[in-house]
Amino acid sequence: MDDAEFEREALEALNALPKKFRRLLGNVEVVVEKRPSKRLLRDMGCDVDEALYGLYEGTPLSERSVFDPPALPDRITLFSEPLQEDFPDPDELRREIRYTVVHEVAHFFGMDDDEIEDLGY
């Protein structure tokens, strides 16, 4: 899957979210990068060889206040190379892109990994 196709799949995953959630994502930037840097992995406490598929950076909605100053856009990054390496089958890759998008959007809404896992993601 080339970069343009990968980005289209990510956008389709976002567009498939229920409208009540999508409308809250206006200040969220979604980007695709090849892979996380070794420094990022170390800063996150991950092994430098660990596969990271996505990352949410920002302040979750559940931690915001109307008294907070205007925030920079939150950011969801999808890492294409680890996903493509671990899911060489195109259908599995599409499914995992969708799964990763939902997972990172859930972080934006304030859910931790255990809560997301309880939902089946």
Protein backbone atom coordinates (compact mmCIF):
# COMPACT_ATOMS: atom_id res chain seq x y z
CA MET A 1 0.00 0.00 0.00
CA ASP A 2 1.49 3.34 -0.98
CA ASP A 3 1.44 6.46 1.20
CA ALA A 4 -1.61 7.99 -0.49
CA GLU A 5 -3.64 4.80 -0.06
CA PHE A 6 -2.57 4.55 3.58
CA GLU A 7 -3.72 8.12 4.23
CA ARG A 8 -7.03 7.44 2.47
CA GLU A 9 -7.62 4.43 4.71
CA ALA A 10 -6.93 6.55 7.79
CA LEU A 11 -9.38 9.23 6.60
CA GLU A 12 -12.01 6.60 5.85
CA ALA A 13 -11.59 5.26 9.37
CA LEU A 14 -12.15 8.75 10.78
CA ASN A 15 -15.16 9.32 8.54
CA ALA A 16 -16.66 6.01 9.70
CA LEU A 17 -16.80 7.26 13.30
CA PRO A 18 -20.24 8.32 14.53
CA LYS A 19 -20.97 11.96 13.75
CA LYS A 20 -21.30 12.87 17.45
CA PHE A 21 -17.62 11.92 17.89
CA ARG A 22 -16.34 13.25 14.56
CA ARG A 23 -17.64 16.75 15.24
CA LEU A 24 -15.39 16.95 18.32
CA LEU A 25 -12.25 16.16 16.31
CA GLY A 26 -12.06 19.55 14.59
CA ASN A 27 -8.88 20.54 16.44
CA VAL A 28 -7.18 17.16 15.95
CA GLU A 29 -4.53 16.78 13.29
CA VAL A 30 -4.09 13.27 11.88
CA VAL A 31 -0.75 12.58 10.23
CA VAL A 32 1.05 9.58 8.81
CA GLU A 33 4.76 9.08 9.38
CA LYS A 34 6.98 6.20 8.32
CA ARG A 35 8.01 5.12 11.82
CA PRO A 36 8.56 6.49 15.31
CA SER A 37 12.02 7.75 16.14
CA LYS A 38 14.17 5.75 18.54
CA ARG A 39 14.14 8.77 20.84
CA LEU A 40 10.33 8.82 20.91
CA LEU A 41 10.24 5.12 21.73
CA ARG A 42 12.79 5.60 24.53
CA ASP A 43 10.89 8.62 25.90
CA MET A 44 7.74 6.48 26.01
CA GLY A 45 9.58 3.72 27.86
CA CYS A 46 9.40 1.35 24.90
CA ASP A 47 12.08 -0.91 23.55
CA VAL A 48 13.62 0.68 20.43
CA ASP A 49 12.63 -2.44 18.45
CA GLU A 50 9.01 -2.33 19.65
CA ALA A 51 6.32 -1.79 17.02
CA LEU A 52 4.34 1.37 17.65
CA TYR A 53 1.38 1.80 15.30
CA GLY A 54 -0.10 5.04 16.53
CA LEU A 55 0.31 7.86 19.02
CA TYR A 56 -2.02 10.45 20.49
CA GLU A 57 -0.40 13.70 21.64
CA GLY A 58 -2.42 16.40 23.34
CA THR A 59 -4.74 17.00 26.24
CA PRO A 60 -7.65 14.56 26.39
CA LEU A 61 -11.08 16.14 26.39
CA SER A 62 -11.75 14.66 29.83
CA GLU A 63 -8.90 16.76 31.28
CA ARG A 64 -9.86 20.11 29.73
CA SER A 65 -11.57 23.08 31.29
CA VAL A 66 -13.34 26.05 29.78
CA PHE A 67 -10.82 28.13 31.72
CA ASP A 68 -7.84 26.63 29.85
CA PRO A 69 -6.14 28.89 27.29
CA PRO A 70 -6.70 27.98 23.64
CA ALA A 71 -4.78 24.82 22.85
CA LEU A 72 -2.62 23.88 19.92
CA PRO A 73 -4.16 21.14 17.80
CA ASP A 74 -3.99 17.67 19.28
CA ARG A 75 -2.19 15.20 17.08
CA ILE A 76 -2.75 11.59 16.13
CA THR A 77 0.16 10.00 14.30
CA LEU A 78 -0.08 6.70 12.47
CA PHE A 79 3.19 4.91 11.72
CA SER A 80 2.88 3.22 8.34
CA GLU A 81 5.97 1.01 8.21
CA PRO A 82 5.37 -0.97 11.44
CA LEU A 83 1.74 -1.50 10.42
CA GLN A 84 2.70 -2.64 6.92
CA GLU A 85 5.44 -4.92 8.24
CA ASP A 86 3.17 -6.63 10.79
CA PHE A 87 0.08 -6.79 8.55
CA PRO A 88 1.22 -7.62 5.00
CA ASP A 89 -2.27 -8.78 3.94
CA PRO A 90 -4.12 -5.72 2.53
CA ASP A 91 -7.41 -6.57 4.26
CA GLU A 92 -5.71 -7.11 7.61
CA LEU A 93 -3.76 -3.87 7.15
CA ARG A 94 -6.96 -1.90 6.47
CA ARG A 95 -8.57 -3.43 9.56
CA GLU A 96 -5.54 -2.57 11.70
CA ILE A 97 -5.41 1.01 10.40
CA ARG A 98 -9.07 1.41 11.44
CA TYR A 99 -8.37 -0.22 14.79
CA THR A 100 -5.39 2.10 15.39
CA VAL A 101 -7.37 5.21 14.46
CA VAL A 102 -10.19 4.24 16.85
CA HIS A 103 -7.65 3.46 19.57
CA GLU A 104 -5.95 6.85 19.30
CA VAL A 105 -9.26 8.73 19.04
CA ALA A 106 -10.32 6.97 22.25
CA HIS A 107 -7.21 8.42 23.93
CA PHE A 108 -8.33 11.87 22.73
CA PHE A 109 -11.63 11.27 24.54
CA GLY A 110 -9.73 10.43 27.72
CA MET A 111 -9.74 6.64 27.73
CA ASP A 112 -6.70 4.72 28.89
CA ASP A 113 -5.44 1.48 27.33
CA ASP A 114 -7.35 -0.74 29.78
CA GLU A 115 -10.64 1.02 29.04
CA ILE A 116 -10.01 0.77 25.30
CA GLU A 117 -9.18 -2.92 25.64
CA ASP A 118 -12.42 -3.49 27.58
CA LEU A 119 -14.26 -2.14 24.52
CA GLY A 120 -12.55 -4.72 22.30
CA TYR A 121 -9.81 -2.53 20.88
